[in-house]
Amino acid sequence: MAGSTHTVTNQPPPLVGYDVYTADRALTSAVERHLDPDLLDEVRGELAALGRTCGSAQVQEWGRLANENPPRLRTHDRYGHRVDEVEFHPSWHRLLGKGVSAGLTAAWVRPGGHVRRAAAFLLWTQVEAGNGCPLSMTHAAVPALRTDPDLSAVWEPRLTSMIYDQQLRPAGQKPGALFGMGMTEKQGGSDVRAGTTAAHPLPDGESYELTGHKWFCSAPMSDGFLVLGRAPGGLTCFLVPRVLEDGTRNVFLIQRLKDKLGNRSNASAEVEFDRTWAHRVGEEGRGVRTIIDMVAATRLDCVLGSAGLMRQAVAQAVHHCTHREAFGGKLVDKPLMRNVLADLAIESEAATTLALRLAAACDDGGEQERALLRIAVPAAKYWVTKRCTPVTVEASECLGGNGYVEESGMPRLVRESPLNSIWEGAGNVQALDVLRALQREPAALDAYLREVGLARGADHRLDAAIKGLLTELADLEGIEARARRLTERLALVLQGSLLVRFAPPEVADAFCASRLGGDAGAAFGTLPHTLNLAAVVDRSRPEA
């Protein structure tokens, strides 16, 4: 029997057994705002069911096990045959199967598909972010494959399927398939045009043999991959199937798995091609143009993934402080802790609100919405993903020393937090992409200004921020050195406009005061004390 000194008191209960979706007021409000009313009842039920799954003790345990048992590379079988397979813990397959069955690869074929998928992806990230990679790549491959109707006819029904089939078989024999991507090489990194992978055409005019390498190949256990190679006509996009139609393995040599800071349940690999069979996707010499829609979709998933990580970090922090007593009362009632929690909650809500607005633009598909995405996606990818790390670190500190201990789950969030800022083009790549859109596509800036202008006159700090942004935009010559600053302002003004229009007044007021009006310090927890911070914290409280 434990001694009296080991009696456990004043410890918060685990945050399990709750509906992660319904508890997220910012997310539920965004879904209801952007979805067709005729779909709302169906989608509410779907997301609430997924929310209960995400909050269940069993699924959270799967996430822990998948993270603690990372994948292993098996290059050869017992007889010496090259197999190049990646072995995962059973919990990984359970999670991936749940993600596929929840429609996380089916946005393109469902009504309101991008909004409902975005909400689900944000929820699912909170369980275990690693399996989001193959789900994201599979989702994002669809628009690239649609440039080739014959390829799309074979692969799209399988990529958008809600059936998970982990066996490596020819695509035509599978009810569902997953995709990965390989663009970067050792010598080029983000400069994909520096790739040296050679693509030699075969007599049929559509098939090629690839010889070269990829320094980062996402989800190497997948059924197919979109890669870039240098054909006679220039840099070209190719589909590399893992298994050929006759059932033989394609040449896909996995050299090693990356030993990463976080995202440990997911496999990222270095691979080599040696006369590897591939099918051309799109025209020769237009590889970047063909794959760019895939990149845009994965960048939006980076925003959604970071929003999910922030939401989980804030939920854990608020939950802990609601139940933990110190210095004569509940931590959540202490003015200084309340300021910290409110500041974190504002950042989380701003990220969620922006991410769902971009998903709604994908569903709309109109010319103005597409133009808005051209600026808003790289700006959001730049800013939201960069805010993820300071949010998760500060949220961990709210748990004190417990937040530094692996069992709390917070270190996993912290290790994961920088990833989305690095993947799919790091910060400078996003900022330069914003500059290109500003300089080459006037319709993109017009669409952006129309969007933020919908909130003009509602808050004087937002109005001043819009005016200041217009001043910065007046001179784009020699602007590269301040591209990060401009991209940050574009994202903040867009977030401010959305919150002023759609968030509760206390949230919008705190955001505009601190993020646009300059009435805050450099660290979290420095909001003006006159704001209604209690209401902000209450809105972010998870129900358990």
Protein backbone atom coordinates (compact mmCIF):
# COMPACT_ATOMS: atom_id res chain seq x y z
CA MET A 1 0.00 0.00 0.00
CA ALA A 2 1.37 3.39 -1.00
CA GLY A 3 2.46 5.71 1.75
CA SER A 4 0.60 8.94 2.41
CA THR A 5 3.32 10.91 0.65
CA HIS A 6 2.36 9.19 -2.61
CA THR A 7 -1.32 10.09 -2.49
CA VAL A 8 -2.02 11.83 -5.79
CA THR A 9 -3.91 15.11 -5.42
CA ASN A 10 -4.13 18.36 -7.37
CA GLN A 11 -3.37 16.67 -10.69
CA PRO A 12 -5.63 17.27 -13.71
CA PRO A 13 -7.40 14.23 -15.15
CA PRO A 14 -6.32 13.05 -18.61
CA LEU A 15 -7.94 14.97 -21.45
CA VAL A 16 -9.69 11.94 -22.96
CA GLY A 17 -13.23 10.81 -23.63
CA TYR A 18 -14.39 14.04 -25.22
CA ASP A 19 -15.52 15.27 -28.63
CA VAL A 20 -12.55 17.16 -30.06
CA TYR A 21 -14.72 18.70 -32.79
CA THR A 22 -17.65 19.97 -30.76
CA ALA A 23 -15.29 21.36 -28.10
CA ASP A 24 -13.58 23.56 -30.72
CA ARG A 25 -15.85 26.60 -31.08
CA ALA A 26 -13.67 28.28 -33.68
CA LEU A 27 -13.70 25.19 -35.88
CA THR A 28 -17.40 24.42 -35.55
CA SER A 29 -18.27 28.04 -36.34
CA ALA A 30 -16.07 28.01 -39.44
CA VAL A 31 -17.60 24.78 -40.74
CA GLU A 32 -21.12 26.12 -40.31
CA ARG A 33 -20.13 29.40 -41.96
CA HIS A 34 -18.60 27.87 -45.07
CA LEU A 35 -20.71 24.80 -45.78
CA ASP A 36 -23.91 24.64 -47.80
CA PRO A 37 -26.77 24.55 -45.24
CA ASP A 38 -28.15 21.45 -46.92
CA LEU A 39 -24.96 19.59 -45.95
CA LEU A 40 -24.69 20.80 -42.37
CA ASP A 41 -26.58 18.06 -40.56
CA GLU A 42 -24.68 15.33 -42.37
CA VAL A 43 -21.28 16.96 -41.84
CA ARG A 44 -21.95 17.87 -38.20
CA GLY A 45 -22.65 14.24 -37.46
CA GLU A 46 -19.64 13.07 -39.44
CA LEU A 47 -17.22 15.47 -37.75
CA ALA A 48 -18.67 14.91 -34.28
CA ALA A 49 -18.17 11.16 -34.72
CA LEU A 50 -14.59 11.77 -35.80
CA GLY A 51 -14.16 14.19 -32.89
CA ARG A 52 -15.22 11.49 -30.43
CA THR A 53 -12.82 9.07 -32.10
CA CYS A 54 -9.98 11.59 -31.78
CA GLY A 55 -10.76 12.15 -28.12
CA SER A 56 -11.03 8.47 -27.22
CA ALA A 57 -8.45 6.88 -24.97
CA GLN A 58 -7.91 4.03 -27.43
CA VAL A 59 -7.10 6.20 -30.44
CA GLN A 60 -4.87 8.48 -28.38
CA GLU A 61 -3.01 5.37 -27.27
CA TRP A 62 -2.56 4.38 -30.91
CA GLY A 63 -1.00 7.77 -31.50
CA ARG A 64 1.42 7.29 -28.62
CA LEU A 65 2.42 3.83 -29.78
CA ALA A 66 2.91 4.91 -33.39
CA ASN A 67 5.17 7.73 -32.24
CA GLU A 68 7.19 5.57 -29.85
CA ASN A 69 7.67 2.76 -32.39
CA PRO A 70 9.01 4.47 -35.53
CA PRO A 71 9.13 2.72 -38.92
CA ARG A 72 11.99 0.44 -39.89
CA LEU A 73 13.54 -0.09 -43.30
CA ARG A 74 13.82 -3.65 -44.61
CA THR A 75 15.91 -3.61 -47.78
CA HIS A 76 16.13 -7.40 -48.38
CA ASP A 77 14.10 -10.48 -47.59
CA ARG A 78 15.58 -13.56 -45.89
CA TYR A 79 16.76 -14.96 -49.23
CA GLY A 80 18.65 -11.85 -50.26
CA HIS A 81 16.06 -10.46 -52.65
CA ARG A 82 15.78 -6.68 -52.68
CA VAL A 83 12.34 -5.68 -51.34
CA ASP A 84 12.79 -2.07 -50.10
CA GLU A 85 9.86 -2.15 -47.71
CA VAL A 86 9.07 0.00 -44.69
CA GLU A 87 7.61 -1.75 -41.68
CA PHE A 88 5.29 0.13 -39.31
CA HIS A 89 3.83 -0.56 -35.91
CA PRO A 90 0.24 -1.88 -36.11
CA SER A 91 -1.00 1.35 -34.52
CA TRP A 92 0.24 3.28 -37.55
CA HIS A 93 -1.90 1.15 -39.85
CA ARG A 94 -4.89 1.53 -37.55
CA LEU A 95 -4.52 5.30 -37.61
CA LEU A 96 -4.00 5.47 -41.36
CA GLY A 97 -7.00 3.26 -41.94
CA LYS A 98 -9.16 5.50 -39.76
CA GLY A 99 -7.91 8.58 -41.59
CA VAL A 100 -8.73 7.15 -45.01
CA SER A 101 -12.17 5.95 -43.89
CA ALA A 102 -12.87 9.43 -42.48
CA GLY A 103 -12.54 10.90 -45.99
CA LEU A 104 -9.17 12.57 -45.59
CA THR A 105 -8.28 11.64 -49.16
CA ALA A 106 -11.76 12.07 -50.66
CA ALA A 107 -12.24 15.85 -50.82
CA TRP A 108 -12.29 16.00 -54.62
CA VAL A 109 -15.32 13.73 -54.98
CA ARG A 110 -17.56 14.87 -52.09
CA PRO A 111 -19.85 17.91 -51.88
CA GLY A 112 -18.26 20.58 -49.72
CA GLY A 113 -15.29 18.25 -49.80
CA HIS A 114 -12.48 20.67 -49.01
CA VAL A 115 -14.14 22.27 -45.98
CA ARG A 116 -15.27 18.99 -44.45
CA ARG A 117 -11.86 17.44 -45.14
CA ALA A 118 -10.01 20.48 -43.77
CA ALA A 119 -11.93 20.24 -40.51
CA ALA A 120 -11.28 16.50 -40.31
CA PHE A 121 -7.58 16.93 -41.09
CA LEU A 122 -7.27 19.56 -38.35
CA LEU A 123 -8.90 17.13 -35.90
CA TRP A 124 -6.89 14.09 -36.98
CA THR A 125 -3.58 15.95 -36.68
CA GLN A 126 -4.27 16.27 -32.96
CA VAL A 127 -4.11 12.49 -32.53
CA GLU A 128 -0.80 11.86 -34.30
CA ALA A 129 0.53 14.21 -36.94
CA GLY A 130 2.82 11.69 -38.65
CA ASN A 131 0.14 9.83 -40.57
CA GLY A 132 -1.03 13.15 -41.99
CA CYS A 133 1.81 13.01 -44.53
CA PRO A 134 0.54 10.13 -46.71
CA LEU A 135 -3.03 11.38 -46.30
CA SER A 136 -1.96 14.82 -47.49
CA MET A 137 0.14 13.56 -50.40
CA THR A 138 -2.62 11.26 -51.60
CA HIS A 139 -5.19 14.05 -51.44
CA ALA A 140 -2.89 16.50 -53.21
CA ALA A 141 -1.91 14.18 -56.08
CA VAL A 142 -5.37 14.25 -57.63
CA PRO A 143 -5.19 17.63 -59.43
CA ALA A 144 -1.80 16.77 -60.91
CA LEU A 145 -3.05 13.43 -62.24
CA ARG A 146 -6.08 15.11 -63.78
CA THR A 147 -3.78 16.63 -66.39
CA ASP A 148 -3.69 13.10 -67.88
CA PRO A 149 -7.24 11.69 -68.18
CA ASP A 150 -6.03 8.13 -68.77
CA LEU A 151 -3.87 8.10 -65.66
CA SER A 152 -6.57 9.81 -63.66
CA ALA A 153 -9.12 7.19 -64.68
CA VAL A 154 -6.92 4.45 -63.21
CA TRP A 155 -5.63 6.17 -60.09
CA GLU A 156 -8.17 8.77 -58.94
CA PRO A 157 -10.89 6.30 -57.84
CA ARG A 158 -8.29 4.60 -55.68
CA LEU A 159 -6.74 7.76 -54.27
CA THR A 160 -10.17 9.15 -53.32
CA SER A 161 -11.35 5.81 -51.96
CA MET A 162 -12.30 5.51 -48.29
CA ILE A 163 -10.77 2.00 -48.11
CA TYR A 164 -7.25 1.50 -46.81
CA ASP A 165 -5.29 -1.34 -48.42
CA GLN A 166 -1.72 -1.58 -47.10
CA GLN A 167 -0.63 -4.40 -49.42
CA LEU A 168 1.76 -3.61 -52.29
CA ARG A 169 -0.10 -4.76 -55.42
CA PRO A 170 -0.76 -3.36 -58.90
CA ALA A 171 -3.07 -0.36 -58.71
CA GLY A 172 -5.77 -2.11 -60.75
CA GLN A 173 -6.08 -4.78 -58.06
CA LYS A 174 -6.49 -2.40 -55.13
CA PRO A 175 -9.68 -0.80 -53.74
CA GLY A 176 -7.65 2.10 -52.35
CA ALA A 177 -4.16 3.48 -52.82
CA LEU A 178 -1.79 6.03 -51.32
CA PHE A 179 0.62 8.43 -52.97
CA GLY A 180 3.95 9.97 -52.05
CA MET A 181 6.11 12.62 -53.66
CA GLY A 182 9.78 13.11 -54.51
CA MET A 183 11.01 16.50 -55.72
CA THR A 184 14.15 17.60 -53.90
CA GLU A 185 17.66 16.33 -54.54
CA LYS A 186 20.90 16.63 -52.58
CA GLN A 187 22.41 19.33 -54.73
CA GLY A 188 19.26 21.43 -55.16
CA GLY A 189 16.96 21.25 -52.15
CA SER A 190 14.14 23.75 -52.67
CA ASP A 191 15.60 24.65 -56.05
CA VAL A 192 13.89 21.75 -57.81
CA ARG A 193 14.96 23.07 -61.21
CA ALA A 194 18.50 22.00 -60.26
CA GLY A 195 17.43 18.35 -60.30
CA THR A 196 19.62 15.91 -62.21
CA THR A 197 17.42 12.80 -62.33
CA ALA A 198 17.53 11.72 -65.97
CA ALA A 199 14.39 10.58 -67.80
CA HIS A 200 14.97 8.55 -70.97
CA PRO A 201 11.88 8.15 -73.19
CA LEU A 202 10.76 4.69 -74.26
CA PRO A 203 9.30 3.97 -77.70
CA ASP A 204 5.63 4.36 -76.70
CA GLY A 205 6.15 8.10 -76.10
CA GLU A 206 4.58 8.13 -72.62
CA SER A 207 6.84 5.78 -70.65
CA TYR A 208 10.33 6.62 -69.46
CA GLU A 209 13.20 5.17 -67.50
CA LEU A 210 14.43 7.27 -64.61
CA THR A 211 17.96 7.25 -63.26
CA GLY A 212 18.85 9.44 -60.30
CA HIS A 213 17.96 10.10 -56.69
CA LYS A 214 15.58 11.98 -54.40
CA TRP A 215 16.94 13.40 -51.17
CA PHE A 216 13.49 13.57 -49.56
CA CYS A 217 10.81 11.14 -50.64
CA SER A 218 7.61 11.44 -48.65
CA ALA A 219 5.71 8.33 -47.59
CA PRO A 220 8.00 5.73 -49.25
CA MET A 221 5.61 2.87 -48.46
CA SER A 222 3.02 4.30 -50.89
CA ASP A 223 1.61 2.76 -54.07
CA GLY A 224 2.75 5.54 -56.36
CA PHE A 225 4.84 8.70 -56.41
CA LEU A 226 4.90 11.94 -58.31
CA VAL A 227 8.51 12.87 -59.04
CA LEU A 228 10.42 15.31 -61.21
CA GLY A 229 12.96 14.21 -63.80
CA ARG A 230 14.84 15.82 -66.66
CA ALA A 231 13.49 14.60 -70.00
CA PRO A 232 14.79 15.73 -73.43
CA GLY A 233 12.23 18.53 -73.36
CA GLY A 234 13.17 19.72 -69.88
CA LEU A 235 12.01 19.17 -66.30
CA THR A 236 8.97 16.90 -66.37
CA CYS A 237 6.54 15.32 -63.90
CA PHE A 238 6.33 11.52 -63.73
CA LEU A 239 4.24 8.91 -61.97
CA VAL A 240 6.38 6.12 -60.51
CA PRO A 241 4.24 3.12 -59.50
CA ARG A 242 5.63 0.97 -56.71
CA VAL A 243 4.35 -2.21 -58.36
CA LEU A 244 4.07 -2.65 -62.12
CA GLU A 245 0.98 -3.99 -63.88
CA ASP A 246 2.47 -7.48 -64.22
CA GLY A 247 2.94 -7.66 -60.44
CA THR A 248 6.71 -7.14 -60.39
CA ARG A 249 8.28 -4.52 -58.15
CA ASN A 250 9.44 -1.37 -59.84
CA VAL A 251 13.04 -0.35 -59.16
CA PHE A 252 12.65 1.86 -56.10
CA LEU A 253 15.77 1.65 -53.97
CA ILE A 254 15.27 3.01 -50.46
CA GLN A 255 18.74 3.95 -49.24
CA ARG A 256 17.79 5.00 -45.73
CA LEU A 257 15.04 6.55 -43.63
CA LYS A 258 15.57 10.03 -42.24
CA ASP A 259 16.16 10.35 -38.50
CA LYS A 260 13.97 13.38 -37.84
CA LEU A 261 13.43 15.77 -34.95
CA GLY A 262 9.73 14.96 -34.82
CA ASN A 263 7.14 13.33 -37.08
CA ARG A 264 8.74 10.10 -35.98
CA SER A 265 5.83 7.77 -36.76
CA ASN A 266 6.09 8.73 -40.44
CA ALA A 267 8.76 7.50 -42.84
CA SER A 268 10.72 9.96 -44.96
CA ALA A 269 13.37 8.44 -47.18
CA GLU A 270 16.26 8.86 -49.54
CA VAL A 271 15.59 6.85 -52.68
CA GLU A 272 17.43 6.04 -55.88
CA PHE A 273 16.12 5.18 -59.34
CA ASP A 274 18.03 2.85 -61.65
CA ARG A 275 16.19 2.58 -64.97
CA THR A 276 12.98 2.86 -62.97
CA TRP A 277 9.81 2.72 -65.08
CA ALA A 278 7.70 5.88 -65.00
CA HIS A 279 4.74 7.37 -66.84
CA ARG A 280 4.88 11.00 -67.94
CA VAL A 281 2.28 13.29 -66.37
CA GLY A 282 1.63 16.41 -68.42
CA GLU A 283 3.90 17.75 -71.13
CA GLU A 284 7.65 17.48 -71.24
CA GLY A 285 9.33 20.55 -69.83
CA ARG A 286 6.29 21.56 -67.76
CA GLY A 287 7.00 19.49 -64.68
CA VAL A 288 6.77 22.32 -62.17
CA ARG A 289 3.58 23.61 -63.77
CA THR A 290 2.05 20.12 -63.64
CA ILE A 291 2.93 19.47 -60.00
CA ILE A 292 2.22 22.99 -58.71
CA ASP A 293 -1.42 22.25 -57.80
CA MET A 294 -0.19 19.33 -55.71
CA VAL A 295 2.23 21.64 -53.95
CA ALA A 296 -0.52 24.21 -53.29
CA ALA A 297 -2.73 21.53 -51.74
CA THR A 298 0.04 20.24 -49.50
CA ARG A 299 0.87 23.80 -48.43
CA LEU A 300 -2.70 24.30 -47.30
CA ASP A 301 -2.39 21.04 -45.37
CA CYS A 302 0.68 22.50 -43.65
CA VAL A 303 -1.52 25.38 -42.49
CA LEU A 304 -4.21 22.97 -41.32
CA GLY A 305 -1.69 20.72 -39.60
CA SER A 306 -0.16 23.64 -37.70
CA ALA A 307 -3.61 24.88 -36.74
CA GLY A 308 -4.38 21.41 -35.39
CA LEU A 309 -1.18 21.26 -33.36
CA MET A 310 -1.84 24.70 -31.90
CA ARG A 311 -5.40 23.80 -31.02
CA GLN A 312 -4.29 20.63 -29.20
CA ALA A 313 -1.57 22.52 -27.34
CA VAL A 314 -4.01 25.20 -26.22
CA ALA A 315 -6.64 22.63 -25.25
CA GLN A 316 -4.11 20.79 -23.09
CA ALA A 317 -2.91 24.01 -21.47
CA VAL A 318 -6.39 25.30 -20.68
CA HIS A 319 -7.47 21.88 -19.41
CA HIS A 320 -4.47 21.65 -17.12
CA CYS A 321 -4.93 25.14 -15.72
CA THR A 322 -8.66 24.57 -15.20
CA HIS A 323 -7.98 21.66 -12.86
CA ARG A 324 -4.66 22.63 -11.30
CA GLU A 325 -4.58 24.71 -8.13
CA ALA A 326 -1.66 26.93 -7.11
CA PHE A 327 -1.18 29.97 -4.90
CA GLY A 328 -4.62 29.69 -3.38
CA GLY A 329 -6.82 29.08 -6.42
CA LYS A 330 -7.26 27.57 -9.86
CA LEU A 331 -4.48 28.49 -12.26
CA VAL A 332 -7.01 29.44 -14.93
CA ASP A 333 -8.38 32.16 -12.63
CA LYS A 334 -5.01 33.79 -12.02
CA PRO A 335 -4.86 37.03 -14.05
CA LEU A 336 -1.39 36.44 -15.43
CA MET A 337 -2.02 32.83 -16.44
CA ARG A 338 -5.34 33.87 -17.95
CA ASN A 339 -3.48 36.41 -20.05
CA VAL A 340 -1.13 33.72 -21.35
CA LEU A 341 -3.94 31.29 -22.12
CA ALA A 342 -6.01 33.96 -23.87
CA ASP A 343 -3.04 35.02 -25.99
CA LEU A 344 -2.46 31.43 -27.06
CA ALA A 345 -6.16 30.90 -27.74
CA ILE A 346 -6.28 33.96 -30.01
CA GLU A 347 -3.37 32.65 -32.07
CA SER A 348 -5.04 29.27 -32.38
CA GLU A 349 -8.41 30.70 -33.41
CA ALA A 350 -6.83 33.01 -35.97
CA ALA A 351 -5.03 30.04 -37.54
CA THR A 352 -8.16 27.88 -37.65
CA THR A 353 -10.32 30.66 -39.07
CA LEU A 354 -7.85 31.43 -41.85
CA ALA A 355 -7.27 27.77 -42.74
CA LEU A 356 -10.99 27.04 -43.13
CA ARG A 357 -11.48 30.17 -45.21
CA LEU A 358 -8.85 28.92 -47.64
CA ALA A 359 -10.48 25.49 -47.77
CA ALA A 360 -13.78 27.17 -48.62
CA ALA A 361 -12.07 29.00 -51.48
CA CYS A 362 -10.93 25.61 -52.83
CA ASP A 363 -14.53 24.38 -52.78
CA ASP A 364 -15.81 27.52 -54.49
CA GLY A 365 -13.42 27.25 -57.42
CA GLY A 366 -14.43 30.61 -58.87
CA GLU A 367 -11.94 32.89 -60.59
CA GLN A 368 -11.74 35.37 -57.72
CA GLU A 369 -11.33 32.64 -55.13
CA ARG A 370 -8.55 31.02 -57.12
CA ALA A 371 -6.85 34.39 -57.35
CA LEU A 372 -7.17 34.86 -53.59
CA LEU A 373 -5.54 31.49 -52.97
CA ARG A 374 -2.56 32.49 -55.09
CA ILE A 375 -1.49 35.00 -52.42
CA ALA A 376 -3.29 33.73 -49.33
CA VAL A 377 -1.96 30.14 -49.36
CA PRO A 378 1.77 30.99 -49.34
CA ALA A 379 1.17 33.88 -46.92
CA ALA A 380 -0.78 31.63 -44.55
CA LYS A 381 1.73 28.82 -44.97
CA TYR A 382 4.52 31.23 -44.06
CA TRP A 383 2.88 32.80 -41.02
CA VAL A 384 0.68 30.14 -39.43
CA THR A 385 3.36 27.46 -39.56
CA LYS A 386 5.90 29.82 -38.01
CA ARG A 387 3.56 30.64 -35.12
CA CYS A 388 3.12 26.97 -34.29
CA THR A 389 6.43 26.50 -32.47
CA PRO A 390 6.16 29.44 -30.02
CA VAL A 391 2.54 28.47 -29.29
CA THR A 392 3.35 24.83 -28.47
CA VAL A 393 6.39 25.80 -26.38
CA GLU A 394 4.42 28.36 -24.35
CA ALA A 395 1.53 25.93 -23.92
CA SER A 396 3.95 23.32 -22.60
CA GLU A 397 5.21 25.84 -20.05
CA CYS A 398 1.65 26.25 -18.78
CA LEU A 399 1.96 22.67 -17.49
CA GLY A 400 5.17 23.53 -15.67
CA GLY A 401 7.67 20.71 -15.36
CA ASN A 402 4.97 18.23 -16.35
CA GLY A 403 4.93 19.79 -19.80
CA TYR A 404 8.58 18.86 -20.28
CA VAL A 405 7.92 15.20 -19.55
CA GLU A 406 7.16 12.83 -22.42
CA GLU A 407 4.12 11.31 -20.72
CA SER A 408 2.28 14.62 -20.97
CA GLY A 409 2.34 14.48 -24.76
CA MET A 410 3.50 18.09 -24.97
CA PRO A 411 7.11 17.31 -26.06
CA ARG A 412 5.68 15.45 -29.07
CA LEU A 413 3.76 18.59 -30.07
CA VAL A 414 6.87 20.74 -29.62
CA ARG A 415 9.01 18.44 -31.76
CA GLU A 416 6.35 18.35 -34.44
CA SER A 417 5.78 22.11 -34.46
CA PRO A 418 8.61 23.29 -36.79
CA LEU A 419 7.91 20.70 -39.46
CA ASN A 420 5.15 22.39 -41.44
CA SER A 421 7.22 25.54 -41.75
CA ILE A 422 10.04 23.54 -43.36
CA TRP A 423 8.13 21.10 -45.58
CA GLU A 424 6.67 22.11 -48.94
CA GLY A 425 8.91 25.18 -49.17
CA ALA A 426 10.41 26.88 -46.13
CA GLY A 427 9.77 30.48 -45.11
CA ASN A 428 11.83 32.25 -47.75
CA VAL A 429 10.29 30.14 -50.52
CA GLN A 430 6.80 31.16 -49.39
CA ALA A 431 7.71 34.84 -49.11
CA LEU A 432 9.24 34.84 -52.59
CA ASP A 433 6.16 33.06 -53.94
CA VAL A 434 4.01 35.86 -52.52
CA LEU A 435 6.23 38.41 -54.29
CA ARG A 436 5.85 36.58 -57.60
CA ALA A 437 2.09 36.62 -57.25
CA LEU A 438 2.10 40.35 -56.46
CA GLN A 439 4.33 41.19 -59.40
CA ARG A 440 2.87 38.88 -62.04
CA GLU A 441 -0.78 38.38 -61.14
CA PRO A 442 -2.65 41.64 -60.47
CA ALA A 443 -5.89 39.70 -60.00
CA ALA A 444 -4.41 38.00 -56.92
CA LEU A 445 -3.80 41.27 -55.11
CA ASP A 446 -7.20 42.56 -56.17
CA ALA A 447 -8.89 39.46 -54.75
CA TYR A 448 -6.93 39.80 -51.51
CA LEU A 449 -7.85 43.47 -51.07
CA ARG A 450 -11.50 42.72 -51.79
CA GLU A 451 -11.45 40.06 -49.07
CA VAL A 452 -9.85 42.18 -46.35
CA GLY A 453 -11.93 45.17 -47.44
CA LEU A 454 -15.11 43.38 -46.35
CA ALA A 455 -14.20 44.34 -42.76
CA ARG A 456 -13.28 47.99 -43.41
CA GLY A 457 -14.78 50.39 -40.90
CA ALA A 458 -15.39 47.71 -38.26
CA ASP A 459 -12.18 48.27 -36.27
CA HIS A 460 -9.90 51.29 -36.41
CA ARG A 461 -6.78 49.19 -35.82
CA LEU A 462 -7.60 46.93 -38.75
CA ASP A 463 -8.28 49.98 -40.92
CA ALA A 464 -4.89 51.41 -39.99
CA ALA A 465 -3.20 48.09 -40.73
CA ILE A 466 -4.81 47.92 -44.17
CA LYS A 467 -3.66 51.48 -44.89
CA GLY A 468 -0.12 50.62 -43.79
CA LEU A 469 -0.14 47.51 -45.96
CA LEU A 470 -1.20 49.51 -48.99
CA THR A 471 1.72 51.85 -48.38
CA GLU A 472 4.12 48.88 -48.32
CA LEU A 473 2.59 47.51 -51.51
CA ALA A 474 2.96 50.83 -53.34
CA ASP A 475 6.62 50.15 -54.11
CA LEU A 476 7.56 46.60 -55.06
CA GLU A 477 10.96 47.47 -56.49
CA GLY A 478 13.83 46.02 -54.49
CA ILE A 479 11.33 44.40 -52.15
CA GLU A 480 12.96 40.97 -51.79
CA ALA A 481 14.84 41.90 -48.60
CA ARG A 482 11.57 42.81 -46.88
CA ALA A 483 9.50 39.99 -48.36
CA ARG A 484 9.10 38.26 -45.00
CA ARG A 485 7.82 41.39 -43.35
CA LEU A 486 5.33 41.98 -46.15
CA THR A 487 4.14 38.37 -46.12
CA GLU A 488 3.63 38.52 -42.36
CA ARG A 489 1.55 41.68 -42.71
CA LEU A 490 -0.54 40.16 -45.47
CA ALA A 491 -1.34 37.15 -43.27
CA LEU A 492 -2.07 39.22 -40.15
CA VAL A 493 -4.36 41.65 -41.94
CA LEU A 494 -6.27 38.77 -43.52
CA GLN A 495 -6.62 37.05 -40.14
CA GLY A 496 -7.75 40.32 -38.58
CA SER A 497 -10.36 40.87 -41.26
CA LEU A 498 -11.78 37.36 -40.79
CA LEU A 499 -11.88 37.62 -36.99
CA VAL A 500 -13.51 41.06 -37.04
CA ARG A 501 -16.21 39.69 -39.33
CA PHE A 502 -16.78 36.29 -37.77
CA ALA A 503 -15.26 35.85 -34.28
CA PRO A 504 -16.81 36.97 -30.98
CA PRO A 505 -16.01 40.63 -30.19
CA GLU A 506 -13.64 39.75 -27.35
CA VAL A 507 -11.50 37.60 -29.66
CA ALA A 508 -11.43 40.14 -32.49
CA ASP A 509 -10.69 42.98 -30.06
CA ALA A 510 -7.76 41.14 -28.50
CA PHE A 511 -6.35 40.17 -31.89
CA CYS A 512 -6.55 43.67 -33.33
CA ALA A 513 -5.12 45.26 -30.18
CA SER A 514 -2.13 42.92 -29.97
CA ARG A 515 -1.40 41.80 -33.55
CA LEU A 516 -2.40 44.92 -35.48
CA GLY A 517 -2.44 47.74 -32.95
CA GLY A 518 0.91 46.93 -31.33
CA ASP A 519 -0.54 46.84 -27.81
CA ALA A 520 1.35 43.75 -26.64
CA GLY A 521 4.87 42.62 -25.87
CA ALA A 522 7.08 40.18 -27.72
CA ALA A 523 6.10 37.18 -25.58
CA PHE A 524 2.72 35.53 -25.04
CA GLY A 525 0.79 36.74 -22.01
CA THR A 526 1.29 40.46 -22.67
CA LEU A 527 -2.23 41.36 -23.81
CA PRO A 528 -3.78 44.59 -22.50
CA HIS A 529 -5.31 43.78 -19.13
CA THR A 530 -8.48 45.72 -19.97
CA LEU A 531 -9.60 43.12 -22.50
CA ASN A 532 -12.22 40.48 -21.73
CA LEU A 533 -9.67 37.70 -21.38
CA ALA A 534 -11.87 35.41 -19.32
CA ALA A 535 -14.34 35.12 -22.20
CA VAL A 536 -11.50 34.31 -24.61
CA VAL A 537 -10.23 31.50 -22.37
CA ASP A 538 -13.73 30.14 -21.79
CA ARG A 539 -14.26 29.91 -25.54
CA SER A 540 -11.11 27.79 -25.93
CA ARG A 541 -11.90 25.41 -23.06
CA PRO A 542 -12.19 21.75 -24.13
CA GLU A 543 -15.09 19.83 -22.70
CA ALA A 544 -14.01 16.63 -21.00
